[in-house]
Amino acid sequence: MEIFNSQPGFCPVCGSILPPLNTVGNVVCYNCKKEFHPEVFGAQEVDYTIHFNSYDPERVFGKNKSNSDDEAEGPVVERKCSKCGHMQMSYATLQLRSADEGQTVFFTCLKCKFKESENS
């Protein structure tokens, strides 16, 4: 019994969108579980392409770490490193505590890569 005046690709019983049609067999509505012949799609043609992400170790595991000094991992500020005394550190901020409290600033020394944090 059809309740809806449906368009091709929609279930005529409950109105839900029908799943993609397989190469053989009928299509079953996910919602009402009613089975339909492929003609329920009418003359509709569906063409699709699946793009897979290629495996890129640098993207998956982070950038290639080098041993060069003064390589910034964010904005740079003049701040003395408490470990080596270098006067430049990069920083990043995160809101780790509740919204009514300040953010946490993470500093990284450009020379020795020492990390320290400060609650602002």
PDB file of N, CA and C in Angstrom:
ATOM      1  N   MET A   1       0.844  -1.179   0.000  1.00  0.00           N
ATOM      2  CA  MET A   1       0.000   0.000   0.000  1.00  0.00           C
ATOM      3  C   MET A   1       0.890   1.243   0.000  1.00  0.00           C
ATOM      4  N   GLU A   2       0.773   2.050  -1.019  1.00  0.00           N
ATOM      5  CA  GLU A   2       1.566   3.268  -1.109  1.00  0.00           C
ATOM      6  C   GLU A   2       0.868   4.398  -0.376  1.00  0.00           C
ATOM      7  N   ILE A   3       1.608   5.041   0.508  1.00  0.00           N
ATOM      8  CA  ILE A   3       1.078   6.165   1.268  1.00  0.00           C
ATOM      9  C   ILE A   3       1.548   7.472   0.653  1.00  0.00           C
ATOM     10  N   PHE A   4       2.787   7.483   0.169  1.00  0.00           N
ATOM     11  CA  PHE A   4       3.394   8.691  -0.381  1.00  0.00           C
ATOM     12  C   PHE A   4       3.347   8.665  -1.902  1.00  0.00           C
ATOM     13  N   ASN A   5       3.194   9.809  -2.495  1.00  0.00           N
ATOM     14  CA  ASN A   5       3.382   9.959  -3.931  1.00  0.00           C
ATOM     15  C   ASN A   5       4.873  10.200  -4.108  1.00  0.00           C
ATOM     16  N   SER A   6       5.625   9.119  -4.221  1.00  0.00           N
ATOM     17  CA  SER A   6       7.078   9.232  -4.100  1.00  0.00           C
ATOM     18  C   SER A   6       7.763   9.518  -5.424  1.00  0.00           C
ATOM     19  N   GLN A   7       8.952  10.030  -5.297  1.00  0.00           N
ATOM     20  CA  GLN A   7       9.851  10.275  -6.407  1.00  0.00           C
ATOM     21  C   GLN A   7      10.785   9.073  -6.517  1.00  0.00           C
ATOM     22  N   PRO A   8      11.414   8.867  -7.682  1.00  0.00           N
ATOM     23  CA  PRO A   8      12.371   7.765  -7.801  1.00  0.00           C
ATOM     24  C   PRO A   8      13.486   7.893  -6.758  1.00  0.00           C
ATOM     25  N   GLY A   9      13.785   6.773  -6.099  1.00  0.00           N
ATOM     26  CA  GLY A   9      14.839   6.763  -5.088  1.00  0.00           C
ATOM     27  C   GLY A   9      14.324   6.930  -3.675  1.00  0.00           C
ATOM     28  N   PHE A  10      13.009   7.145  -3.528  1.00  0.00           N
ATOM     29  CA  PHE A  10      12.407   7.283  -2.201  1.00  0.00           C
ATOM     30  C   PHE A  10      11.401   6.166  -1.985  1.00  0.00           C
ATOM     31  N   CYS A  11      11.286   5.704  -0.752  1.00  0.00           N
ATOM     32  CA  CYS A  11      10.366   4.628  -0.404  1.00  0.00           C
ATOM     33  C   CYS A  11       8.921   5.117  -0.540  1.00  0.00           C
ATOM     34  N   PRO A  12       8.084   4.415  -1.333  1.00  0.00           N
ATOM     35  CA  PRO A  12       6.696   4.834  -1.474  1.00  0.00           C
ATOM     36  C   PRO A  12       5.850   4.535  -0.236  1.00  0.00           C
ATOM     37  N   VAL A  13       6.364   3.727   0.699  1.00  0.00           N
ATOM     38  CA  VAL A  13       5.608   3.392   1.905  1.00  0.00           C
ATOM     39  C   VAL A  13       5.856   4.393   3.023  1.00  0.00           C
ATOM     40  N   CYS A  14       7.149   4.656   3.343  1.00  0.00           N
ATOM     41  CA  CYS A  14       7.456   5.534   4.484  1.00  0.00           C
ATOM     42  C   CYS A  14       8.077   6.867   4.082  1.00  0.00           C
ATOM     43  N   GLY A  15       8.484   7.027   2.821  1.00  0.00           N
ATOM     44  CA  GLY A  15       9.047   8.287   2.353  1.00  0.00           C
ATOM     45  C   GLY A  15      10.540   8.444   2.566  1.00  0.00           C
ATOM     46  N   SER A  16      11.197   7.453   3.159  1.00  0.00           N
ATOM     47  CA  SER A  16      12.645   7.535   3.403  1.00  0.00           C
ATOM     48  C   SER A  16      13.414   7.391   2.099  1.00  0.00           C
ATOM     49  N   ILE A  17      14.620   7.947   2.084  1.00  0.00           N
ATOM     50  CA  ILE A  17      15.476   7.769   0.917  1.00  0.00           C
ATOM     51  C   ILE A  17      15.957   6.321   0.903  1.00  0.00           C
ATOM     52  N   LEU A  18      15.962   5.724  -0.279  1.00  0.00           N
ATOM     53  CA  LEU A  18      16.359   4.324  -0.392  1.00  0.00           C
ATOM     54  C   LEU A  18      17.873   4.204  -0.517  1.00  0.00           C
ATOM     55  N   PRO A  19      18.435   3.091  -0.037  1.00  0.00           N
ATOM     56  CA  PRO A  19      19.886   2.893  -0.154  1.00  0.00           C
ATOM     57  C   PRO A  19      20.271   2.690  -1.619  1.00  0.00           C
ATOM     58  N   PRO A  20      21.557   2.833  -1.937  1.00  0.00           N
ATOM     59  CA  PRO A  20      21.988   2.637  -3.328  1.00  0.00           C
ATOM     60  C   PRO A  20      21.641   1.238  -3.819  1.00  0.00           C
ATOM     61  N   LEU A  21      21.332   1.143  -5.079  1.00  0.00           N
ATOM     62  CA  LEU A  21      20.953  -0.113  -5.709  1.00  0.00           C
ATOM     63  C   LEU A  21      22.196  -0.940  -6.001  1.00  0.00           C
ATOM     64  N   ASN A  22      22.161  -2.213  -5.621  1.00  0.00           N
ATOM     65  CA  ASN A  22      23.257  -3.128  -5.947  1.00  0.00           C
ATOM     66  C   ASN A  22      23.154  -3.531  -7.412  1.00  0.00           C
ATOM     67  N   THR A  23      24.160  -4.215  -7.911  1.00  0.00           N
ATOM     68  CA  THR A  23      24.147  -4.632  -9.314  1.00  0.00           C
ATOM     69  C   THR A  23      23.103  -5.714  -9.572  1.00  0.00           C
ATOM     70  N   VAL A  24      22.793  -6.534  -8.576  1.00  0.00           N
ATOM     71  CA  VAL A  24      21.758  -7.566  -8.710  1.00  0.00           C
ATOM     72  C   VAL A  24      20.857  -7.531  -7.488  1.00  0.00           C
ATOM     73  N   GLY A  25      19.638  -8.021  -7.664  1.00  0.00           N
ATOM     74  CA  GLY A  25      18.721  -8.139  -6.536  1.00  0.00           C
ATOM     75  C   GLY A  25      17.863  -6.907  -6.329  1.00  0.00           C
ATOM     76  N   ASN A  26      17.092  -6.955  -5.268  1.00  0.00           N
ATOM     77  CA  ASN A  26      16.168  -5.883  -4.926  1.00  0.00           C
ATOM     78  C   ASN A  26      16.784  -4.931  -3.917  1.00  0.00           C
ATOM     79  N   VAL A  27      16.089  -3.840  -3.667  1.00  0.00           N
ATOM     80  CA  VAL A  27      16.538  -2.860  -2.689  1.00  0.00           C
ATOM     81  C   VAL A  27      15.579  -2.920  -1.499  1.00  0.00           C
ATOM     82  N   VAL A  28      16.140  -2.856  -0.279  1.00  0.00           N
ATOM     83  CA  VAL A  28      15.339  -2.919   0.942  1.00  0.00           C
ATOM     84  C   VAL A  28      15.444  -1.581   1.659  1.00  0.00           C
ATOM     85  N   CYS A  29      14.301  -1.009   2.017  1.00  0.00           N
ATOM     86  CA  CYS A  29      14.261   0.266   2.738  1.00  0.00           C
ATOM     87  C   CYS A  29      14.843   0.070   4.135  1.00  0.00           C
ATOM     88  N   TYR A  30      15.755   0.962   4.531  1.00  0.00           N
ATOM     89  CA  TYR A  30      16.360   0.869   5.862  1.00  0.00           C
ATOM     90  C   TYR A  30      15.333   1.127   6.963  1.00  0.00           C
ATOM     91  N   ASN A  31      14.345   1.953   6.691  1.00  0.00           N
ATOM     92  CA  ASN A  31      13.395   2.365   7.716  1.00  0.00           C
ATOM     93  C   ASN A  31      12.271   1.346   7.927  1.00  0.00           C
ATOM     94  N   CYS A  32      11.519   1.033   6.872  1.00  0.00           N
ATOM     95  CA  CYS A  32      10.350   0.154   7.038  1.00  0.00           C
ATOM     96  C   CYS A  32      10.630  -1.293   6.643  1.00  0.00           C
ATOM     97  N   LYS A  33      11.813  -1.578   6.133  1.00  0.00           N
ATOM     98  CA  LYS A  33      12.272  -2.927   5.758  1.00  0.00           C
ATOM     99  C   LYS A  33      11.498  -3.533   4.589  1.00  0.00           C
ATOM    100  N   LYS A  34      10.738  -2.737   3.875  1.00  0.00           N
ATOM    101  CA  LYS A  34      10.004  -3.219   2.709  1.00  0.00           C
ATOM    102  C   LYS A  34      10.977  -3.389   1.548  1.00  0.00           C
ATOM    103  N   GLU A  35      10.754  -4.456   0.764  1.00  0.00           N
ATOM    104  CA  GLU A  35      11.634  -4.769  -0.358  1.00  0.00           C
ATOM    105  C   GLU A  35      10.982  -4.319  -1.667  1.00  0.00           C
ATOM    106  N   PHE A  36      11.792  -3.698  -2.538  1.00  0.00           N
ATOM    107  CA  PHE A  36      11.290  -3.178  -3.808  1.00  0.00           C
ATOM    108  C   PHE A  36      12.150  -3.679  -4.958  1.00  0.00           C
ATOM    109  N   HIS A  37      11.507  -3.755  -6.142  1.00  0.00           N
ATOM    110  CA  HIS A  37      12.239  -4.087  -7.361  1.00  0.00           C
ATOM    111  C   HIS A  37      13.046  -2.864  -7.790  1.00  0.00           C
ATOM    112  N   PRO A  38      14.084  -3.054  -8.571  1.00  0.00           N
ATOM    113  CA  PRO A  38      14.912  -1.916  -9.006  1.00  0.00           C
ATOM    114  C   PRO A  38      14.139  -0.835  -9.768  1.00  0.00           C
ATOM    115  N   GLU A  39      12.944  -1.153 -10.268  1.00  0.00           N
ATOM    116  CA  GLU A  39      12.161  -0.172 -11.018  1.00  0.00           C
ATOM    117  C   GLU A  39      11.742   1.020 -10.161  1.00  0.00           C
ATOM    118  N   VAL A  40      11.813   0.886  -8.828  1.00  0.00           N
ATOM    119  CA  VAL A  40      11.443   1.995  -7.943  1.00  0.00           C
ATOM    120  C   VAL A  40      12.381   3.193  -8.155  1.00  0.00           C
ATOM    121  N   PHE A  41      13.548   2.949  -8.746  1.00  0.00           N
ATOM    122  CA  PHE A  41      14.482   4.032  -9.054  1.00  0.00           C
ATOM    123  C   PHE A  41      14.158   4.687 -10.398  1.00  0.00           C
ATOM    124  N   GLY A  42      13.240   4.116 -11.155  1.00  0.00           N
ATOM    125  CA  GLY A  42      12.868   4.685 -12.445  1.00  0.00           C
ATOM    126  C   GLY A  42      14.033   4.614 -13.412  1.00  0.00           C
ATOM    127  N   ALA A  43      14.171   5.642 -14.232  1.00  0.00           N
ATOM    128  CA  ALA A  43      15.258   5.699 -15.208  1.00  0.00           C
ATOM    129  C   ALA A  43      16.465   6.437 -14.641  1.00  0.00           C
ATOM    130  N   GLN A  44      16.487   6.588 -13.337  1.00  0.00           N
ATOM    131  CA  GLN A  44      17.556   7.335 -12.661  1.00  0.00           C
ATOM    132  C   GLN A  44      18.891   6.612 -12.822  1.00  0.00           C
ATOM    133  N   GLU A  45      19.919   7.350 -13.215  1.00  0.00           N
ATOM    134  CA  GLU A  45      21.266   6.810 -13.328  1.00  0.00           C
ATOM    135  C   GLU A  45      22.122   7.391 -12.225  1.00  0.00           C
ATOM    136  N   VAL A  46      22.868   6.541 -11.551  1.00  0.00           N
ATOM    137  CA  VAL A  46      23.738   6.994 -10.471  1.00  0.00           C
ATOM    138  C   VAL A  46      25.171   6.660 -10.846  1.00  0.00           C
ATOM    139  N   ASP A  47      26.029   7.656 -10.783  1.00  0.00           N
ATOM    140  CA  ASP A  47      27.445   7.473 -11.076  1.00  0.00           C
ATOM    141  C   ASP A  47      28.234   8.065  -9.921  1.00  0.00           C
ATOM    142  N   TYR A  48      29.162   7.313  -9.380  1.00  0.00           N
ATOM    143  CA  TYR A  48      29.945   7.820  -8.262  1.00  0.00           C
ATOM    144  C   TYR A  48      31.369   7.293  -8.333  1.00  0.00           C
ATOM    145  N   THR A  49      32.256   8.024  -7.681  1.00  0.00           N
ATOM    146  CA  THR A  49      33.664   7.661  -7.608  1.00  0.00           C
ATOM    147  C   THR A  49      34.088   7.694  -6.153  1.00  0.00           C
ATOM    148  N   ILE A  50      34.832   6.705  -5.745  1.00  0.00           N
ATOM    149  CA  ILE A  50      35.352   6.656  -4.381  1.00  0.00           C
ATOM    150  C   ILE A  50      36.827   7.033  -4.428  1.00  0.00           C
ATOM    151  N   HIS A  51      37.200   8.075  -3.681  1.00  0.00           N
ATOM    152  CA  HIS A  51      38.588   8.521  -3.607  1.00  0.00           C
ATOM    153  C   HIS A  51      39.165   8.089  -2.260  1.00  0.00           C
ATOM    154  N   PHE A  52      40.201   7.291  -2.290  1.00  0.00           N
ATOM    155  CA  PHE A  52      40.863   6.851  -1.073  1.00  0.00           C
ATOM    156  C   PHE A  52      42.036   7.773  -0.775  1.00  0.00           C
ATOM    157  N   ASN A  53      42.290   8.021   0.500  1.00  0.00           N
ATOM    158  CA  ASN A  53      43.461   8.803   0.890  1.00  0.00           C
ATOM    159  C   ASN A  53      44.703   7.962   0.653  1.00  0.00           C
ATOM    160  N   SER A  54      45.704   8.561   0.049  1.00  0.00           N
ATOM    161  CA  SER A  54      46.945   7.834  -0.161  1.00  0.00           C
ATOM    162  C   SER A  54      47.738   7.805   1.145  1.00  0.00           C
ATOM    163  N   TYR A  55      48.562   6.811   1.292  1.00  0.00           N
ATOM    164  CA  TYR A  55      49.363   6.679   2.500  1.00  0.00           C
ATOM    165  C   TYR A  55      50.535   7.641   2.424  1.00  0.00           C
ATOM    166  N   ASP A  56      50.579   8.583   3.330  1.00  0.00           N
ATOM    167  CA  ASP A  56      51.648   9.576   3.395  1.00  0.00           C
ATOM    168  C   ASP A  56      52.204   9.562   4.815  1.00  0.00           C
ATOM    169  N   PRO A  57      53.364   8.920   5.046  1.00  0.00           N
ATOM    170  CA  PRO A  57      53.898   8.808   6.406  1.00  0.00           C
ATOM    171  C   PRO A  57      54.108  10.155   7.087  1.00  0.00           C
ATOM    172  N   GLU A  58      54.501  11.184   6.334  1.00  0.00           N
ATOM    173  CA  GLU A  58      54.714  12.497   6.950  1.00  0.00           C
ATOM    174  C   GLU A  58      53.402  13.067   7.463  1.00  0.00           C
ATOM    175  N   ARG A  59      52.301  12.848   6.728  1.00  0.00           N
ATOM    176  CA  ARG A  59      51.000  13.348   7.157  1.00  0.00           C
ATOM    177  C   ARG A  59      50.466  12.539   8.343  1.00  0.00           C
ATOM    178  N   VAL A  60      50.710  11.238   8.337  1.00  0.00           N
ATOM    179  CA  VAL A  60      50.209  10.373   9.401  1.00  0.00           C
ATOM    180  C   VAL A  60      51.001  10.547  10.688  1.00  0.00           C
ATOM    181  N   PHE A  61      52.325  10.588  10.586  1.00  0.00           N
ATOM    182  CA  PHE A  61      53.177  10.608  11.770  1.00  0.00           C
ATOM    183  C   PHE A  61      53.761  11.976  12.086  1.00  0.00           C
ATOM    184  N   GLY A  62      53.325  13.005  11.427  1.00  0.00           N
ATOM    185  CA  GLY A  62      53.854  14.344  11.678  1.00  0.00           C
ATOM    186  C   GLY A  62      54.953  14.665  10.698  1.00  0.00           C
ATOM    187  N   LYS A  63      55.376  15.911  10.741  1.00  0.00           N
ATOM    188  CA  LYS A  63      56.401  16.323   9.782  1.00  0.00           C
ATOM    189  C   LYS A  63      57.731  15.661  10.087  1.00  0.00           C
ATOM    190  N   ASN A  64      58.573  15.593   9.083  1.00  0.00           N
ATOM    191  CA  ASN A  64      59.884  14.978   9.211  1.00  0.00           C
ATOM    192  C   ASN A  64      60.733  15.815  10.159  1.00  0.00           C
ATOM    193  N   LYS A  65      61.104  15.255  11.289  1.00  0.00           N
ATOM    194  CA  LYS A  65      61.879  15.992  12.296  1.00  0.00           C
ATOM    195  C   LYS A  65      63.321  16.122  11.852  1.00  0.00           C
ATOM    196  N   SER A  66      63.813  17.327  11.887  1.00  0.00           N
ATOM    197  CA  SER A  66      65.213  17.551  11.554  1.00  0.00           C
ATOM    198  C   SER A  66      65.943  18.042  12.793  1.00  0.00           C
ATOM    199  N   ASN A  67      67.229  18.007  12.749  1.00  0.00           N
ATOM    200  CA  ASN A  67      68.033  18.418  13.895  1.00  0.00           C
ATOM    201  C   ASN A  67      68.463  19.876  13.812  1.00  0.00           C
ATOM    202  N   SER A  68      67.906  20.634  12.869  1.00  0.00           N
ATOM    203  CA  SER A  68      68.332  22.027  12.726  1.00  0.00           C
ATOM    204  C   SER A  68      67.803  22.873  13.870  1.00  0.00           C
ATOM    205  N   ASP A  69      68.632  23.835  14.311  1.00  0.00           N
ATOM    206  CA  ASP A  69      68.230  24.757  15.369  1.00  0.00           C
ATOM    207  C   ASP A  69      67.316  25.826  14.795  1.00  0.00           C
ATOM    208  N   ASP A  70      66.648  26.536  15.678  1.00  0.00           N
ATOM    209  CA  ASP A  70      65.799  27.669  15.326  1.00  0.00           C
ATOM    210  C   ASP A  70      64.683  27.309  14.345  1.00  0.00           C
ATOM    211  N   GLU A  71      64.140  26.112  14.442  1.00  0.00           N
ATOM    212  CA  GLU A  71      63.004  25.724  13.616  1.00  0.00           C
ATOM    213  C   GLU A  71      61.736  25.923  14.440  1.00  0.00           C
ATOM    214  N   ALA A  72      60.966  26.947  14.114  1.00  0.00           N
ATOM    215  CA  ALA A  72      59.790  27.302  14.903  1.00  0.00           C
ATOM    216  C   ALA A  72      58.631  26.359  14.613  1.00  0.00           C
ATOM    217  N   GLU A  73      57.889  25.992  15.656  1.00  0.00           N
ATOM    218  CA  GLU A  73      56.689  25.175  15.523  1.00  0.00           C
ATOM    219  C   GLU A  73      55.468  26.013  15.872  1.00  0.00           C
ATOM    220  N   GLY A  74      55.475  27.277  15.527  1.00  0.00           N
ATOM    221  CA  GLY A  74      54.391  28.196  15.829  1.00  0.00           C
ATOM    222  C   GLY A  74      54.932  29.602  15.927  1.00  0.00           C
ATOM    223  N   PRO A  75      54.134  30.537  16.458  1.00  0.00           N
ATOM    224  CA  PRO A  75      54.615  31.913  16.620  1.00  0.00           C
ATOM    225  C   PRO A  75      55.813  31.960  17.564  1.00  0.00           C
ATOM    226  N   VAL A  76      56.699  32.921  17.340  1.00  0.00           N
ATOM    227  CA  VAL A  76      57.925  33.037  18.140  1.00  0.00           C
ATOM    228  C   VAL A  76      57.837  34.278  19.012  1.00  0.00           C
ATOM    229  N   VAL A  77      58.276  34.137  20.261  1.00  0.00           N
ATOM    230  CA  VAL A  77      58.278  35.240  21.212  1.00  0.00           C
ATOM    231  C   VAL A  77      59.650  35.298  21.874  1.00  0.00           C
ATOM    232  N   GLU A  78      60.035  36.502  22.303  1.00  0.00           N
ATOM    233  CA  GLU A  78      61.294  36.630  23.039  1.00  0.00           C
ATOM    234  C   GLU A  78      61.038  36.241  24.484  1.00  0.00           C
ATOM    235  N   ARG A  79      61.519  35.071  24.848  1.00  0.00           N
ATOM    236  CA  ARG A  79      61.364  34.532  26.199  1.00  0.00           C
ATOM    237  C   ARG A  79      62.578  33.665  26.464  1.00  0.00           C
ATOM    238  N   LYS A  80      63.136  33.782  27.658  1.00  0.00           N
ATOM    239  CA  LYS A  80      64.353  33.048  27.997  1.00  0.00           C
ATOM    240  C   LYS A  80      64.009  31.614  28.380  1.00  0.00           C
ATOM    241  N   CYS A  81      64.703  30.673  27.737  1.00  0.00           N
ATOM    242  CA  CYS A  81      64.535  29.258  28.054  1.00  0.00           C
ATOM    243  C   CYS A  81      65.149  28.991  29.421  1.00  0.00           C
ATOM    244  N   SER A  82      64.400  28.337  30.287  1.00  0.00           N
ATOM    245  CA  SER A  82      64.908  28.070  31.634  1.00  0.00           C
ATOM    246  C   SER A  82      65.950  26.957  31.653  1.00  0.00           C
ATOM    247  N   LYS A  83      66.112  26.231  30.551  1.00  0.00           N
ATOM    248  CA  LYS A  83      67.096  25.148  30.506  1.00  0.00           C
ATOM    249  C   LYS A  83      68.417  25.599  29.883  1.00  0.00           C
ATOM    250  N   CYS A  84      68.355  26.233  28.700  1.00  0.00           N
ATOM    251  CA  CYS A  84      69.606  26.581  28.011  1.00  0.00           C
ATOM    252  C   CYS A  84      69.863  28.084  27.940  1.00  0.00           C
ATOM    253  N   GLY A  85      68.887  28.916  28.274  1.00  0.00           N
ATOM    254  CA  GLY A  85      69.073  30.356  28.273  1.00  0.00           C
ATOM    255  C   GLY A  85      68.850  31.033  26.931  1.00  0.00           C
ATOM    256  N   HIS A  86      68.467  30.273  25.901  1.00  0.00           N
ATOM    257  CA  HIS A  86      68.190  30.853  24.584  1.00  0.00           C
ATOM    258  C   HIS A  86      67.026  31.842  24.706  1.00  0.00           C
ATOM    259  N   MET A  87      67.058  32.933  23.938  1.00  0.00           N
ATOM    260  CA  MET A  87      66.085  34.015  24.115  1.00  0.00           C
ATOM    261  C   MET A  87      64.888  33.955  23.164  1.00  0.00           C
ATOM    262  N   GLN A  88      64.684  32.866  22.444  1.00  0.00           N
ATOM    263  CA  GLN A  88      63.516  32.753  21.580  1.00  0.00           C
ATOM    264  C   GLN A  88      62.817  31.424  21.815  1.00  0.00           C
ATOM    265  N   MET A  89      61.490  31.499  21.964  1.00  0.00           N
ATOM    266  CA  MET A  89      60.678  30.301  22.143  1.00  0.00           C
ATOM    267  C   MET A  89      59.429  30.431  21.278  1.00  0.00           C
ATOM    268  N   SER A  90      58.991  29.310  20.727  1.00  0.00           N
ATOM    269  CA  SER A  90      57.712  29.304  20.023  1.00  0.00           C
ATOM    270  C   SER A  90      56.638  28.942  21.040  1.00  0.00           C
ATOM    271  N   TYR A  91      55.385  29.258  20.716  1.00  0.00           N
ATOM    272  CA  TYR A  91      54.328  28.974  21.680  1.00  0.00           C
ATOM    273  C   TYR A  91      53.043  28.526  20.995  1.00  0.00           C
ATOM    274  N   ALA A  92      52.205  27.854  21.776  1.00  0.00           N
ATOM    275  CA  ALA A  92      50.862  27.452  21.361  1.00  0.00           C
ATOM    276  C   ALA A  92      49.966  27.581  22.579  1.00  0.00           C
ATOM    277  N   THR A  93      48.694  27.896  22.359  1.00  0.00           N
ATOM    278  CA  THR A  93      47.767  28.064  23.476  1.00  0.00           C
ATOM    279  C   THR A  93      46.638  27.053  23.379  1.00  0.00           C
ATOM    280  N   LEU A  94      46.169  26.603  24.544  1.00  0.00           N
ATOM    281  CA  LEU A  94      45.026  25.695  24.638  1.00  0.00           C
ATOM    282  C   LEU A  94      44.171  26.087  25.833  1.00  0.00           C
ATOM    283  N   GLN A  95      42.875  25.856  25.720  1.00  0.00           N
ATOM    284  CA  GLN A  95      41.957  26.090  26.836  1.00  0.00           C
ATOM    285  C   GLN A  95      41.752  24.750  27.529  1.00  0.00           C
ATOM    286  N   LEU A  96      42.549  24.464  28.558  1.00  0.00           N
ATOM    287  CA  LEU A  96      42.487  23.176  29.244  1.00  0.00           C
ATOM    288  C   LEU A  96      41.612  23.215  30.486  1.00  0.00           C
ATOM    289  N   ARG A  97      41.480  24.396  31.069  1.00  0.00           N
ATOM    290  CA  ARG A  97      40.688  24.532  32.288  1.00  0.00           C
ATOM    291  C   ARG A  97      39.303  25.051  31.928  1.00  0.00           C
ATOM    292  N   SER A  98      38.487  25.340  32.919  1.00  0.00           N
ATOM    293  CA  SER A  98      37.126  25.793  32.643  1.00  0.00           C
ATOM    294  C   SER A  98      37.134  27.126  31.903  1.00  0.00           C
ATOM    295  N   ALA A  99      36.009  27.458  31.299  1.00  0.00           N
ATOM    296  CA  ALA A  99      35.924  28.631  30.426  1.00  0.00           C
ATOM    297  C   ALA A  99      36.151  29.949  31.159  1.00  0.00           C
ATOM    298  N   ASP A 100      35.861  30.000  32.456  1.00  0.00           N
ATOM    299  CA  ASP A 100      36.039  31.262  33.182  1.00  0.00           C
ATOM    300  C   ASP A 100      37.468  31.444  33.687  1.00  0.00           C
ATOM    301  N   GLU A 101      38.348  30.491  33.402  1.00  0.00           N
ATOM    302  CA  GLU A 101      39.759  30.607  33.777  1.00  0.00           C
ATOM    303  C   GLU A 101      40.582  30.850  32.513  1.00  0.00           C
ATOM    304  N   GLY A 102      41.808  31.292  32.698  1.00  0.00           N
ATOM    305  CA  GLY A 102      42.675  31.606  31.564  1.00  0.00           C
ATOM    306  C   GLY A 102      43.107  30.373  30.802  1.00  0.00           C
ATOM    307  N   GLN A 103      43.772  30.622  29.683  1.00  0.00           N
ATOM    308  CA  GLN A 103      44.254  29.530  28.860  1.00  0.00           C
ATOM    309  C   GLN A 103      45.649  29.093  29.293  1.00  0.00           C
ATOM    310  N   THR A 104      46.087  27.944  28.829  1.00  0.00           N
ATOM    311  CA  THR A 104      47.425  27.438  29.101  1.00  0.00           C
ATOM    312  C   THR A 104      48.291  27.710  27.879  1.00  0.00           C
ATOM    313  N   VAL A 105      49.470  28.293  28.104  1.00  0.00           N
ATOM    314  CA  VAL A 105      50.397  28.605  27.021  1.00  0.00           C
ATOM    315  C   VAL A 105      51.559  27.621  27.103  1.00  0.00           C
ATOM    316  N   PHE A 106      51.839  26.928  26.000  1.00  0.00           N
ATOM    317  CA  PHE A 106      52.938  25.973  25.928  1.00  0.00           C
ATOM    318  C   PHE A 106      54.066  26.604  25.124  1.00  0.00           C
ATOM    319  N   PHE A 107      55.243  26.688  25.726  1.00  0.00           N
ATOM    320  CA  PHE A 107      56.413  27.273  25.082  1.00  0.00           C
ATOM    321  C   PHE A 107      57.389  26.162  24.717  1.00  0.00           C
ATOM    322  N   THR A 108      58.063  26.302  23.564  1.00  0.00           N
ATOM    323  CA  THR A 108      59.090  25.359  23.129  1.00  0.00           C
ATOM    324  C   THR A 108      60.319  26.153  22.721  1.00  0.00           C
ATOM    325  N   CYS A 109      61.454  25.812  23.321  1.00  0.00           N
ATOM    326  CA  CYS A 109      62.709  26.488  22.997  1.00  0.00           C
ATOM    327  C   CYS A 109      63.120  26.130  21.573  1.00  0.00           C
ATOM    328  N   LEU A 110      63.520  27.139  20.812  1.00  0.00           N
ATOM    329  CA  LEU A 110      63.932  26.900  19.435  1.00  0.00           C
ATOM    330  C   LEU A 110      65.291  26.226  19.345  1.00  0.00           C
ATOM    331  N   LYS A 111      66.094  26.327  20.398  1.00  0.00           N
ATOM    332  CA  LYS A 111      67.445  25.766  20.374  1.00  0.00           C
ATOM    333  C   LYS A 111      67.469  24.334  20.908  1.00  0.00           C
ATOM    334  N   CYS A 112      66.984  24.126  22.136  1.00  0.00           N
ATOM    335  CA  CYS A 112      67.103  22.800  22.764  1.00  0.00           C
ATOM    336  C   CYS A 112      65.792  22.010  22.765  1.00  0.00           C
ATOM    337  N   LYS A 113      64.701  22.612  22.258  1.00  0.00           N
ATOM    338  CA  LYS A 113      63.380  21.977  22.183  1.00  0.00           C
ATOM    339  C   LYS A 113      62.775  21.671  23.551  1.00  0.00           C
ATOM    340  N   PHE A 114      63.273  22.326  24.610  1.00  0.00           N
ATOM    341  CA  PHE A 114      62.710  22.169  25.951  1.00  0.00           C
ATOM    342  C   PHE A 114      61.303  22.752  25.951  1.00  0.00           C
ATOM    343  N   LYS A 115      60.371  22.068  26.614  1.00  0.00           N
ATOM    344  CA  LYS A 115      58.984  22.524  26.657  1.00  0.00           C
ATOM    345  C   LYS A 115      58.611  22.913  28.077  1.00  0.00           C
ATOM    346  N   GLU A 116      57.884  24.030  28.195  1.00  0.00           N
ATOM    347  CA  GLU A 116      57.368  24.462  29.487  1.00  0.00           C
ATOM    348  C   GLU A 116      55.997  25.072  29.262  1.00  0.00           C
ATOM    349  N   SER A 117      55.201  25.140  30.321  1.00  0.00           N
ATOM    350  CA  SER A 117      53.853  25.696  30.194  1.00  0.00           C
ATOM    351  C   SER A 117      53.623  26.774  31.239  1.00  0.00           C
ATOM    352  N   GLU A 118      52.644  27.632  30.939  1.00  0.00           N
ATOM    353  CA  GLU A 118      52.294  28.727  31.847  1.00  0.00           C
ATOM    354  C   GLU A 118      50.781  28.905  31.802  1.00  0.00           C
ATOM    355  N   ASN A 119      50.148  28.952  32.971  1.00  0.00           N
ATOM    356  CA  ASN A 119      48.717  29.217  33.049  1.00  0.00           C
ATOM    357  C   ASN A 119      48.509  30.720  33.116  1.00  0.00           C
ATOM    358  N   SER A 120      47.813  31.271  32.134  1.00  0.00           N
ATOM    359  CA  SER A 120      47.622  32.724  32.106  1.00  0.00           C
ATOM    360  C   SER A 120      46.264  33.115  32.660  1.00  0.00           C
TER     361      SER A 120
END
